[in-house]
Every structure is written in C-alpha cells, then in structure tokens.
N, C-alpha and C. Protein backbone atom coordinates (compact mmCIF):
# COMPACT_ATOMS: atom_id res chain seq x y z
N MET A 1 110.02 72.02 110.17
CA MET A 1 111.05 72.91 110.65
C MET A 1 110.91 73.04 112.16
N SER A 2 111.97 72.84 112.87
CA SER A 2 111.92 72.95 114.33
C SER A 2 112.00 74.40 114.74
N ALA A 3 111.66 74.68 116.01
CA ALA A 3 111.73 76.05 116.51
C ALA A 3 113.14 76.58 116.42
N GLN A 4 114.15 75.68 116.56
CA GLN A 4 115.54 76.12 116.47
C GLN A 4 115.89 76.60 115.07
N ASP A 5 115.32 75.93 114.05
CA ASP A 5 115.65 76.26 112.66
C ASP A 5 114.85 77.43 112.12
N ARG A 6 113.80 77.82 112.82
CA ARG A 6 112.92 78.86 112.32
C ARG A 6 113.64 80.21 112.25
N VAL A 7 113.50 80.88 111.10
CA VAL A 7 114.12 82.18 110.91
C VAL A 7 113.09 83.25 111.25
N ILE A 8 113.47 84.17 112.11
CA ILE A 8 112.59 85.27 112.45
C ILE A 8 112.88 86.41 111.48
N PRO A 9 111.85 86.84 110.72
CA PRO A 9 112.11 87.87 109.72
C PRO A 9 112.50 89.19 110.37
N SER A 10 113.38 89.91 109.70
CA SER A 10 113.78 91.24 110.15
C SER A 10 113.89 92.15 108.95
N ALA A 11 113.75 93.43 109.18
CA ALA A 11 113.88 94.40 108.09
C ALA A 11 115.27 94.33 107.49
N GLU A 12 116.28 94.12 108.33
CA GLU A 12 117.65 94.06 107.83
C GLU A 12 117.84 92.86 106.91
N GLY A 13 117.29 91.72 107.29
CA GLY A 13 117.40 90.51 106.46
C GLY A 13 116.68 90.66 105.14
N ILE A 14 115.47 91.24 105.19
CA ILE A 14 114.70 91.47 103.97
C ILE A 14 115.46 92.43 103.06
N ALA A 15 116.01 93.51 103.62
CA ALA A 15 116.76 94.49 102.82
C ALA A 15 117.97 93.84 102.17
N ALA A 16 118.68 93.00 102.91
CA ALA A 16 119.86 92.33 102.35
C ALA A 16 119.47 91.42 101.19
N SER A 17 118.38 90.66 101.35
CA SER A 17 117.91 89.79 100.27
C SER A 17 117.46 90.60 99.07
N ALA A 18 116.79 91.72 99.32
CA ALA A 18 116.31 92.56 98.22
C ALA A 18 117.49 93.15 97.45
N ARG A 19 118.52 93.60 98.18
CA ARG A 19 119.71 94.16 97.50
C ARG A 19 120.39 93.09 96.65
N ALA A 20 120.48 91.88 97.19
CA ALA A 20 121.15 90.79 96.48
C ALA A 20 120.42 90.40 95.20
N SER A 21 119.09 90.56 95.19
CA SER A 21 118.31 90.13 94.03
C SER A 21 118.02 91.28 93.06
N LYS A 22 118.47 92.49 93.41
CA LYS A 22 118.14 93.65 92.60
C LYS A 22 118.96 93.69 91.32
N GLY A 23 118.30 93.81 90.21
CA GLY A 23 118.95 94.01 88.92
C GLY A 23 118.49 95.35 88.39
N LYS A 24 118.39 95.47 87.09
CA LYS A 24 117.86 96.70 86.51
C LYS A 24 116.35 96.66 86.55
N GLY A 25 115.73 97.77 86.87
CA GLY A 25 114.28 97.82 86.94
C GLY A 25 113.76 97.17 88.22
N LEU A 26 112.46 96.96 88.24
CA LEU A 26 111.82 96.37 89.41
C LEU A 26 112.02 94.85 89.43
N PRO A 27 112.24 94.28 90.60
CA PRO A 27 112.37 92.82 90.69
C PRO A 27 111.05 92.15 90.31
N PRO A 28 111.12 90.93 89.77
CA PRO A 28 109.89 90.22 89.36
C PRO A 28 109.19 89.54 90.54
N VAL A 29 108.76 90.33 91.52
CA VAL A 29 108.18 89.76 92.74
C VAL A 29 106.94 88.92 92.46
N HIS A 30 106.22 89.24 91.37
CA HIS A 30 105.01 88.49 91.03
C HIS A 30 105.32 87.04 90.63
N SER A 31 106.56 86.78 90.25
CA SER A 31 106.92 85.42 89.84
C SER A 31 107.64 84.63 90.95
N TRP A 32 107.94 85.28 92.06
CA TRP A 32 108.62 84.60 93.16
C TRP A 32 107.58 83.94 94.06
N ASN A 33 107.88 82.76 94.54
CA ASN A 33 106.96 82.04 95.42
C ASN A 33 107.71 81.45 96.62
N PRO A 34 108.34 82.31 97.43
CA PRO A 34 109.08 81.80 98.59
C PRO A 34 108.12 81.44 99.73
N PRO A 35 108.62 80.76 100.75
CA PRO A 35 107.76 80.42 101.88
C PRO A 35 107.40 81.67 102.70
N PHE A 36 106.19 81.65 103.28
CA PHE A 36 105.76 82.73 104.17
C PHE A 36 106.50 82.57 105.49
N CYS A 37 107.15 83.65 105.93
CA CYS A 37 107.98 83.61 107.13
C CYS A 37 107.37 84.35 108.31
N GLY A 38 106.13 84.79 108.19
CA GLY A 38 105.49 85.50 109.29
C GLY A 38 105.31 86.97 108.98
N ASP A 39 104.75 87.67 109.95
CA ASP A 39 104.52 89.10 109.79
C ASP A 39 105.67 89.89 110.39
N LEU A 40 105.95 91.00 109.76
CA LEU A 40 107.00 91.90 110.21
C LEU A 40 106.32 93.12 110.81
N ASP A 41 106.87 93.68 111.87
CA ASP A 41 106.29 94.87 112.48
C ASP A 41 106.68 96.09 111.63
N MET A 42 106.09 96.12 110.43
CA MET A 42 106.32 97.21 109.50
C MET A 42 104.97 97.70 109.02
N ARG A 43 104.84 99.03 108.94
CA ARG A 43 103.55 99.62 108.57
C ARG A 43 103.77 100.80 107.64
N ILE A 44 102.89 100.92 106.63
CA ILE A 44 102.89 102.09 105.77
C ILE A 44 101.67 102.92 106.15
N ALA A 45 101.90 104.13 106.64
CA ALA A 45 100.81 105.02 107.05
C ALA A 45 100.12 105.61 105.82
N ARG A 46 98.97 106.20 106.02
CA ARG A 46 98.19 106.77 104.91
C ARG A 46 98.95 107.86 104.17
N ASP A 47 99.87 108.56 104.88
CA ASP A 47 100.63 109.63 104.23
C ASP A 47 101.89 109.11 103.52
N GLY A 48 102.06 107.76 103.48
CA GLY A 48 103.20 107.17 102.79
C GLY A 48 104.42 106.94 103.65
N THR A 49 104.37 107.32 104.93
CA THR A 49 105.50 107.09 105.83
C THR A 49 105.59 105.61 106.19
N TRP A 50 106.80 105.06 106.06
CA TRP A 50 107.05 103.66 106.43
C TRP A 50 107.58 103.63 107.86
N PHE A 51 107.04 102.71 108.66
CA PHE A 51 107.46 102.53 110.05
C PHE A 51 108.00 101.12 110.23
N TYR A 52 109.05 100.99 111.03
CA TYR A 52 109.57 99.67 111.43
C TYR A 52 109.70 99.68 112.94
N LEU A 53 109.06 98.73 113.60
CA LEU A 53 109.03 98.65 115.06
C LEU A 53 108.54 99.97 115.67
N GLY A 54 107.57 100.61 115.01
CA GLY A 54 106.97 101.84 115.52
C GLY A 54 107.74 103.10 115.23
N THR A 55 108.90 103.00 114.59
CA THR A 55 109.74 104.16 114.31
C THR A 55 109.76 104.44 112.81
N PRO A 56 109.60 105.71 112.39
CA PRO A 56 109.66 106.01 110.96
C PRO A 56 111.01 105.62 110.36
N ILE A 57 110.97 105.05 109.16
CA ILE A 57 112.20 104.74 108.44
C ILE A 57 112.64 106.03 107.75
N GLY A 58 113.75 106.59 108.19
CA GLY A 58 114.18 107.90 107.71
C GLY A 58 115.09 107.88 106.49
N ARG A 59 115.45 106.71 106.00
CA ARG A 59 116.34 106.62 104.85
C ARG A 59 115.51 106.40 103.58
N PRO A 60 115.40 107.43 102.72
CA PRO A 60 114.59 107.29 101.49
C PRO A 60 115.03 106.12 100.61
N GLY A 61 116.34 105.85 100.55
CA GLY A 61 116.82 104.74 99.73
C GLY A 61 116.31 103.40 100.22
N LEU A 62 116.21 103.25 101.54
CA LEU A 62 115.71 102.00 102.12
C LEU A 62 114.21 101.85 101.86
N VAL A 63 113.48 102.95 101.99
CA VAL A 63 112.04 102.91 101.70
C VAL A 63 111.83 102.54 100.23
N LYS A 64 112.61 103.13 99.34
CA LYS A 64 112.49 102.83 97.92
C LYS A 64 112.80 101.36 97.65
N LEU A 65 113.82 100.83 98.33
CA LEU A 65 114.17 99.42 98.17
C LEU A 65 113.01 98.53 98.63
N PHE A 66 112.46 98.80 99.81
CA PHE A 66 111.32 98.02 100.30
C PHE A 66 110.13 98.13 99.34
N SER A 67 109.87 99.33 98.82
CA SER A 67 108.72 99.51 97.93
C SER A 67 108.88 98.71 96.64
N SER A 68 110.12 98.43 96.25
CA SER A 68 110.35 97.69 95.01
C SER A 68 110.05 96.19 95.16
N ILE A 69 109.97 95.69 96.40
CA ILE A 69 109.68 94.27 96.61
C ILE A 69 108.32 94.06 97.27
N LEU A 70 107.46 95.06 97.15
CA LEU A 70 106.12 95.01 97.73
C LEU A 70 105.18 94.29 96.78
N ARG A 71 104.31 93.45 97.35
CA ARG A 71 103.32 92.73 96.55
C ARG A 71 102.02 92.67 97.34
N LYS A 72 100.92 92.69 96.61
CA LYS A 72 99.60 92.55 97.23
C LYS A 72 98.97 91.26 96.73
N ASP A 73 98.65 90.37 97.67
CA ASP A 73 97.95 89.12 97.36
C ASP A 73 96.60 89.18 98.05
N GLY A 74 95.53 89.23 97.28
CA GLY A 74 94.21 89.40 97.88
C GLY A 74 94.13 90.77 98.50
N GLU A 75 93.84 90.83 99.78
CA GLU A 75 93.77 92.11 100.49
C GLU A 75 94.98 92.33 101.39
N LYS A 76 95.98 91.46 101.31
CA LYS A 76 97.14 91.55 102.19
C LYS A 76 98.38 91.98 101.43
N TYR A 77 99.28 92.64 102.15
CA TYR A 77 100.52 93.15 101.57
C TYR A 77 101.71 92.38 102.13
N PHE A 78 102.70 92.18 101.25
CA PHE A 78 103.88 91.41 101.62
C PHE A 78 105.14 92.05 101.02
N LEU A 79 106.25 91.88 101.70
CA LEU A 79 107.56 92.12 101.12
C LEU A 79 108.05 90.75 100.67
N VAL A 80 108.48 90.66 99.42
CA VAL A 80 108.83 89.36 98.84
C VAL A 80 110.23 89.41 98.24
N THR A 81 111.04 88.43 98.61
CA THR A 81 112.35 88.23 97.99
C THR A 81 112.35 86.80 97.44
N PRO A 82 113.40 86.40 96.75
CA PRO A 82 113.41 85.02 96.25
C PRO A 82 113.39 83.97 97.36
N VAL A 83 113.76 84.36 98.60
CA VAL A 83 113.87 83.36 99.67
C VAL A 83 112.86 83.52 100.81
N GLU A 84 112.17 84.66 100.91
CA GLU A 84 111.20 84.82 101.99
C GLU A 84 110.09 85.80 101.62
N LYS A 85 108.97 85.63 102.31
CA LYS A 85 107.79 86.47 102.12
C LYS A 85 107.28 86.82 103.51
N VAL A 86 107.17 88.13 103.80
CA VAL A 86 106.71 88.56 105.12
C VAL A 86 105.55 89.54 104.96
N GLY A 87 104.60 89.43 105.86
CA GLY A 87 103.45 90.31 105.84
C GLY A 87 103.74 91.65 106.49
N ILE A 88 103.18 92.71 105.93
CA ILE A 88 103.27 94.05 106.53
C ILE A 88 101.88 94.66 106.54
N THR A 89 101.72 95.76 107.27
CA THR A 89 100.45 96.45 107.38
C THR A 89 100.46 97.71 106.52
N VAL A 90 99.39 97.92 105.78
CA VAL A 90 99.25 99.13 104.97
C VAL A 90 97.93 99.79 105.38
N ASP A 91 98.01 101.02 105.88
CA ASP A 91 96.82 101.70 106.39
C ASP A 91 95.79 102.01 105.30
N ASP A 92 96.26 102.40 104.11
CA ASP A 92 95.36 102.74 103.01
C ASP A 92 95.94 102.19 101.72
N ALA A 93 96.69 103.00 100.99
CA ALA A 93 97.39 102.55 99.78
C ALA A 93 98.89 102.58 100.09
N PRO A 94 99.67 101.72 99.45
CA PRO A 94 101.09 101.69 99.78
C PRO A 94 101.89 102.87 99.25
N PHE A 95 101.36 103.56 98.25
CA PHE A 95 102.07 104.69 97.66
C PHE A 95 101.22 105.95 97.77
N VAL A 96 101.88 107.09 97.63
CA VAL A 96 101.18 108.38 97.56
C VAL A 96 101.65 109.09 96.30
N ALA A 97 100.70 109.48 95.45
CA ALA A 97 101.01 110.28 94.27
C ALA A 97 101.12 111.73 94.73
N THR A 98 102.31 112.27 94.67
CA THR A 98 102.57 113.60 95.22
C THR A 98 102.56 114.70 94.17
N ASP A 99 102.53 114.33 92.90
CA ASP A 99 102.52 115.35 91.83
C ASP A 99 102.11 114.68 90.52
N PHE A 100 101.76 115.50 89.53
CA PHE A 100 101.50 114.98 88.20
C PHE A 100 101.73 116.07 87.17
N GLU A 101 101.99 115.64 85.95
CA GLU A 101 102.15 116.55 84.81
C GLU A 101 101.01 116.31 83.85
N VAL A 102 100.61 117.39 83.17
CA VAL A 102 99.53 117.32 82.19
C VAL A 102 100.09 117.68 80.83
N THR A 103 99.79 116.85 79.84
CA THR A 103 100.07 117.21 78.45
C THR A 103 98.79 117.02 77.66
N GLY A 104 98.64 117.79 76.60
CA GLY A 104 97.44 117.71 75.78
C GLY A 104 96.24 118.29 76.48
N ASP A 105 95.08 118.22 75.82
CA ASP A 105 93.84 118.67 76.44
C ASP A 105 92.67 117.88 75.88
N GLY A 106 91.52 118.07 76.53
CA GLY A 106 90.33 117.32 76.13
C GLY A 106 90.57 115.82 76.24
N ASP A 107 90.03 115.06 75.26
CA ASP A 107 90.22 113.61 75.34
C ASP A 107 91.61 113.17 74.90
N ASP A 108 92.47 114.12 74.50
CA ASP A 108 93.88 113.83 74.21
C ASP A 108 94.78 114.10 75.41
N GLN A 109 94.17 114.49 76.52
CA GLN A 109 94.95 114.81 77.73
C GLN A 109 95.64 113.56 78.27
N VAL A 110 96.86 113.75 78.79
CA VAL A 110 97.61 112.67 79.41
C VAL A 110 98.10 113.16 80.77
N LEU A 111 97.84 112.37 81.81
CA LEU A 111 98.26 112.70 83.17
C LEU A 111 99.34 111.72 83.60
N THR A 112 100.51 112.24 83.94
CA THR A 112 101.63 111.41 84.38
C THR A 112 101.90 111.69 85.84
N PHE A 113 101.67 110.71 86.68
CA PHE A 113 101.81 110.85 88.14
C PHE A 113 103.19 110.42 88.60
N THR A 114 103.67 111.06 89.68
CA THR A 114 104.91 110.68 90.34
C THR A 114 104.57 110.35 91.79
N THR A 115 105.11 109.23 92.28
CA THR A 115 104.85 108.84 93.67
C THR A 115 105.97 109.29 94.59
N HIS A 116 105.74 109.17 95.88
CA HIS A 116 106.72 109.59 96.89
C HIS A 116 107.96 108.71 96.89
N VAL A 117 107.92 107.56 96.20
CA VAL A 117 109.11 106.71 96.11
C VAL A 117 109.73 106.75 94.72
N GLY A 118 109.27 107.70 93.89
CA GLY A 118 109.91 107.92 92.59
C GLY A 118 109.33 107.16 91.42
N ASP A 119 108.25 106.41 91.61
CA ASP A 119 107.60 105.76 90.47
C ASP A 119 106.90 106.81 89.63
N THR A 120 106.87 106.61 88.31
CA THR A 120 106.05 107.44 87.45
C THR A 120 105.08 106.53 86.70
N VAL A 121 103.88 107.01 86.52
CA VAL A 121 102.85 106.20 85.87
C VAL A 121 101.92 107.12 85.08
N VAL A 122 101.61 106.69 83.86
CA VAL A 122 100.69 107.44 83.01
C VAL A 122 99.30 106.84 83.20
N ALA A 123 98.37 107.65 83.69
CA ALA A 123 97.00 107.18 83.88
C ALA A 123 96.39 106.85 82.53
N GLY A 124 95.69 105.74 82.48
CA GLY A 124 95.06 105.28 81.25
C GLY A 124 94.43 103.92 81.48
N PRO A 125 94.15 103.18 80.42
CA PRO A 125 93.49 101.88 80.58
C PRO A 125 94.24 100.90 81.49
N ASP A 126 95.58 100.92 81.45
CA ASP A 126 96.37 100.00 82.28
C ASP A 126 96.63 100.55 83.68
N HIS A 127 96.42 101.84 83.86
CA HIS A 127 96.67 102.50 85.15
C HIS A 127 95.49 103.43 85.45
N PRO A 128 94.35 102.82 85.78
CA PRO A 128 93.14 103.63 85.98
C PRO A 128 93.18 104.49 87.25
N ILE A 129 92.39 105.55 87.19
CA ILE A 129 92.14 106.40 88.34
C ILE A 129 90.77 106.00 88.87
N ARG A 130 90.66 105.90 90.18
CA ARG A 130 89.36 105.64 90.80
C ARG A 130 89.20 106.56 92.00
N VAL A 131 87.97 106.87 92.33
CA VAL A 131 87.67 107.70 93.49
C VAL A 131 86.66 106.95 94.35
N SER A 132 87.03 106.74 95.62
CA SER A 132 86.07 106.16 96.56
C SER A 132 85.64 107.26 97.53
N ARG A 133 84.47 107.09 98.09
CA ARG A 133 83.95 108.09 99.02
C ARG A 133 83.71 107.46 100.38
N ASP A 134 84.08 108.19 101.42
CA ASP A 134 83.82 107.75 102.77
C ASP A 134 82.30 107.69 102.95
N PRO A 135 81.75 106.54 103.38
CA PRO A 135 80.30 106.42 103.48
C PRO A 135 79.66 107.38 104.48
N GLU A 136 80.42 107.80 105.49
CA GLU A 136 79.84 108.69 106.50
C GLU A 136 80.01 110.16 106.14
N THR A 137 81.22 110.54 105.70
CA THR A 137 81.49 111.96 105.45
C THR A 137 81.35 112.36 103.99
N GLY A 138 81.40 111.38 103.08
CA GLY A 138 81.36 111.69 101.66
C GLY A 138 82.70 112.18 101.13
N GLU A 139 83.71 112.23 101.99
CA GLU A 139 85.05 112.70 101.60
C GLU A 139 85.62 111.79 100.52
N PRO A 140 86.09 112.39 99.38
CA PRO A 140 86.65 111.56 98.31
C PRO A 140 88.08 111.14 98.60
N SER A 141 88.43 109.93 98.19
CA SER A 141 89.80 109.44 98.22
C SER A 141 90.13 108.96 96.82
N PRO A 142 90.98 109.70 96.10
CA PRO A 142 91.33 109.33 94.72
C PRO A 142 92.60 108.47 94.69
N TYR A 143 92.62 107.51 93.77
CA TYR A 143 93.75 106.59 93.64
C TYR A 143 94.11 106.41 92.17
N VAL A 144 95.37 106.07 91.93
CA VAL A 144 95.80 105.66 90.60
C VAL A 144 96.57 104.35 90.76
N LEU A 145 96.31 103.40 89.87
CA LEU A 145 97.00 102.11 89.92
C LEU A 145 98.43 102.30 89.44
N VAL A 146 99.39 101.88 90.27
CA VAL A 146 100.80 102.02 89.93
C VAL A 146 101.30 100.76 89.24
N ARG A 147 101.13 99.61 89.88
CA ARG A 147 101.57 98.34 89.30
C ARG A 147 100.98 97.17 90.09
N ASP A 148 100.71 96.08 89.40
CA ASP A 148 100.36 94.81 90.03
C ASP A 148 99.49 94.94 91.29
N ASN A 149 98.33 95.52 91.17
CA ASN A 149 97.37 95.67 92.28
C ASN A 149 97.82 96.66 93.36
N LEU A 150 98.86 97.42 93.11
CA LEU A 150 99.36 98.40 94.08
C LEU A 150 98.96 99.80 93.63
N GLU A 151 98.21 100.48 94.49
CA GLU A 151 97.71 101.81 94.15
C GLU A 151 98.47 102.90 94.90
N ALA A 152 98.35 104.11 94.36
CA ALA A 152 98.83 105.31 95.05
C ALA A 152 97.63 106.18 95.38
N LEU A 153 97.56 106.63 96.62
CA LEU A 153 96.58 107.63 97.01
C LEU A 153 97.04 108.96 96.42
N ILE A 154 96.18 109.63 95.68
CA ILE A 154 96.53 110.93 95.11
C ILE A 154 96.39 111.97 96.22
N ASP A 155 97.49 112.67 96.54
CA ASP A 155 97.45 113.59 97.68
C ASP A 155 96.49 114.76 97.40
N ARG A 156 96.12 115.45 98.47
CA ARG A 156 95.07 116.46 98.40
C ARG A 156 95.38 117.57 97.40
N LYS A 157 96.62 118.12 97.44
CA LYS A 157 96.95 119.22 96.52
C LYS A 157 96.87 118.76 95.07
N SER A 158 97.30 117.52 94.81
CA SER A 158 97.23 116.99 93.44
C SER A 158 95.79 116.74 93.03
N PHE A 159 94.96 116.30 93.97
CA PHE A 159 93.55 116.08 93.64
C PHE A 159 92.87 117.41 93.29
N TYR A 160 93.17 118.48 94.03
CA TYR A 160 92.60 119.78 93.68
C TYR A 160 93.04 120.22 92.29
N ARG A 161 94.30 119.99 91.96
CA ARG A 161 94.79 120.31 90.61
C ARG A 161 94.10 119.44 89.57
N LEU A 162 93.88 118.16 89.92
CA LEU A 162 93.23 117.23 89.01
C LEU A 162 91.82 117.71 88.66
N VAL A 163 91.11 118.21 89.67
CA VAL A 163 89.75 118.73 89.45
C VAL A 163 89.78 119.90 88.46
N GLU A 164 90.85 120.71 88.51
CA GLU A 164 90.98 121.82 87.56
C GLU A 164 91.13 121.33 86.12
N CYS A 165 91.58 120.09 85.94
CA CYS A 165 91.74 119.50 84.60
C CYS A 165 90.48 118.77 84.16
N GLY A 166 89.45 118.81 84.98
CA GLY A 166 88.26 118.00 84.75
C GLY A 166 87.35 118.53 83.65
N ALA A 167 86.44 117.66 83.25
CA ALA A 167 85.46 117.98 82.21
C ALA A 167 84.21 117.14 82.47
N HIS A 168 83.14 117.51 81.81
CA HIS A 168 81.90 116.74 81.88
C HIS A 168 81.83 115.81 80.67
N HIS A 169 81.34 114.60 80.91
CA HIS A 169 81.26 113.61 79.83
C HIS A 169 80.12 112.65 80.15
N ASP A 170 79.39 112.24 79.12
CA ASP A 170 78.30 111.28 79.32
C ASP A 170 78.85 109.86 79.39
N VAL A 171 78.46 109.15 80.45
CA VAL A 171 78.82 107.75 80.63
C VAL A 171 77.52 106.98 80.86
N ASP A 172 77.22 106.07 79.95
CA ASP A 172 76.00 105.26 80.04
C ASP A 172 74.76 106.13 80.25
N GLY A 173 74.68 107.23 79.51
CA GLY A 173 73.50 108.09 79.56
C GLY A 173 73.44 109.04 80.74
N GLN A 174 74.49 109.09 81.56
CA GLN A 174 74.52 110.00 82.70
C GLN A 174 75.73 110.92 82.56
N SER A 175 75.53 112.20 82.90
CA SER A 175 76.62 113.17 82.84
C SER A 175 77.49 113.05 84.09
N TRP A 176 78.79 112.91 83.86
CA TRP A 176 79.76 112.80 84.95
C TRP A 176 80.81 113.88 84.81
N PHE A 177 81.33 114.31 85.96
CA PHE A 177 82.51 115.17 85.98
C PHE A 177 83.69 114.25 86.27
N GLY A 178 84.77 114.39 85.48
CA GLY A 178 85.94 113.54 85.67
C GLY A 178 87.11 114.07 84.87
N VAL A 179 88.07 113.21 84.63
CA VAL A 179 89.27 113.60 83.89
C VAL A 179 89.56 112.61 82.78
N TRP A 180 90.15 113.12 81.71
CA TRP A 180 90.64 112.29 80.62
C TRP A 180 92.12 112.02 80.84
N SER A 181 92.56 110.83 80.47
CA SER A 181 93.99 110.53 80.41
C SER A 181 94.19 109.25 79.60
N GLY A 182 95.14 109.29 78.71
CA GLY A 182 95.46 108.11 77.92
C GLY A 182 94.30 107.60 77.10
N GLY A 183 93.42 108.50 76.65
CA GLY A 183 92.28 108.11 75.83
C GLY A 183 91.10 107.55 76.60
N ARG A 184 91.14 107.64 77.91
CA ARG A 184 90.05 107.11 78.73
C ARG A 184 89.54 108.18 79.68
N PHE A 185 88.22 108.17 79.90
CA PHE A 185 87.60 109.10 80.84
C PHE A 185 87.42 108.41 82.18
N PHE A 186 87.85 109.09 83.26
CA PHE A 186 87.72 108.56 84.61
C PHE A 186 86.74 109.42 85.38
N SER A 187 85.61 108.82 85.75
CA SER A 187 84.55 109.53 86.46
C SER A 187 84.97 109.85 87.89
N ILE A 188 84.64 111.07 88.33
CA ILE A 188 84.90 111.47 89.72
C ILE A 188 83.59 111.61 90.49
N ILE A 189 82.63 112.34 89.91
CA ILE A 189 81.37 112.58 90.61
C ILE A 189 80.29 112.85 89.55
N PRO A 190 79.04 112.40 89.79
CA PRO A 190 77.97 112.76 88.86
C PRO A 190 77.86 114.28 88.76
N SER A 191 77.68 114.77 87.53
CA SER A 191 77.60 116.23 87.32
C SER A 191 76.55 116.87 88.19
N GLU A 192 75.43 116.17 88.38
CA GLU A 192 74.32 116.74 89.16
C GLU A 192 74.67 116.91 90.64
N ASP A 193 75.69 116.16 91.11
CA ASP A 193 76.08 116.26 92.52
C ASP A 193 77.11 117.33 92.80
N LEU A 194 77.58 118.00 91.74
CA LEU A 194 78.57 119.06 91.96
C LEU A 194 77.90 120.25 92.64
N PRO A 195 78.63 120.87 93.59
CA PRO A 195 78.06 122.07 94.22
C PRO A 195 77.95 123.20 93.20
N ASP A 196 76.97 124.07 93.41
CA ASP A 196 76.79 125.21 92.49
C ASP A 196 77.91 126.22 92.66
C-alpha cells in the first residue's frame, strides 16, 4: 500500500463502520480479523471517561457504540469493525461497574452489576470478580469480567456495598472474607488481615 492509499483512522470513520455493521446485540468483534490501521488518539480514563484527541466524548450514545466494538488482544485494546482495527489506550479497565443488585443470600446470593455504558453482568463462574492490591499502598481495586477479556472496575461506592454483602469462607484450608455470587465464592482478603 502506498502512502497515498493509506487510510488514516479517525473516530468518525470507526463510528460510521460500527453503525453500518450493528445488528441486534453486540457485534461479533471476536470473529472479525481486519487489517491493523494504526493507533487512534483515543483513551479511556480510569473513571470510564472516553477521550478523543484529548477532549472528553460527551455523547453517551457514541461512547456506547465505541464500547460495543472494543476488543482486547493480549494486553492491548482495539476498536474493531469488519474493515479496520485501531489501537486505543485504556488507563485501567475499559468499563466501570457503577451499581449492582443483590438477590438471595449466603451461597445462593447473586450479584448483578451494571456498567457505565449499560452492560449488565451476573457475577459467577463465567464473570468472575477479582481484587488486585496496589503493591505500595495496599489499596484494593476490584473488577468483574464483563465479556471477552474486558473487565469493569467496580467503583468505590459499589465496592463498599459489596463488602457489606461479604462473608467468611474457607478456601484451601485458609479463611477468606469475600462474596458469593452465582454459586461461587470470590475471595477479597484473608480473614486474618481484616482490621479489628
């Protein structure tokens, strides 16, 4: 391909391709294998705000459209349409879980999370919850898997509520504090490390 023929990716072009390929439900981005067209100056901040050319994208419908064609390959994130694939930057996780509902209790408890772009996901074996800790501060960062290697950071208020739903459970001979959902226990912190 000559320099004259090279297409420079743009948010507008990606959005147009995404709209053209949109059917019911999420597009099958995992099955598309278009050519890589370069990186786009698009970034998802830790709080879930999408930026294009350094400016926040203020249209929720456009953010939702972009989120529907997001894919993670290895450690990199891409917007993928049937005709092009462009790299974007994600500061932490691409989604933020802003709320959740609880049904049942004990090991019958079910947690259903909602993300800032309107996805809903039931935590369980297919959508695990994990908590990582900052090595320097020990600050926890909780996540729930939304789809295809794409996680949502559970926001602070939801994490505090999640802790209220917690219980102690033995895992491999050690007592852990965590939460049940979808018949599975998700460890948050060893029971012995909880403050008094």
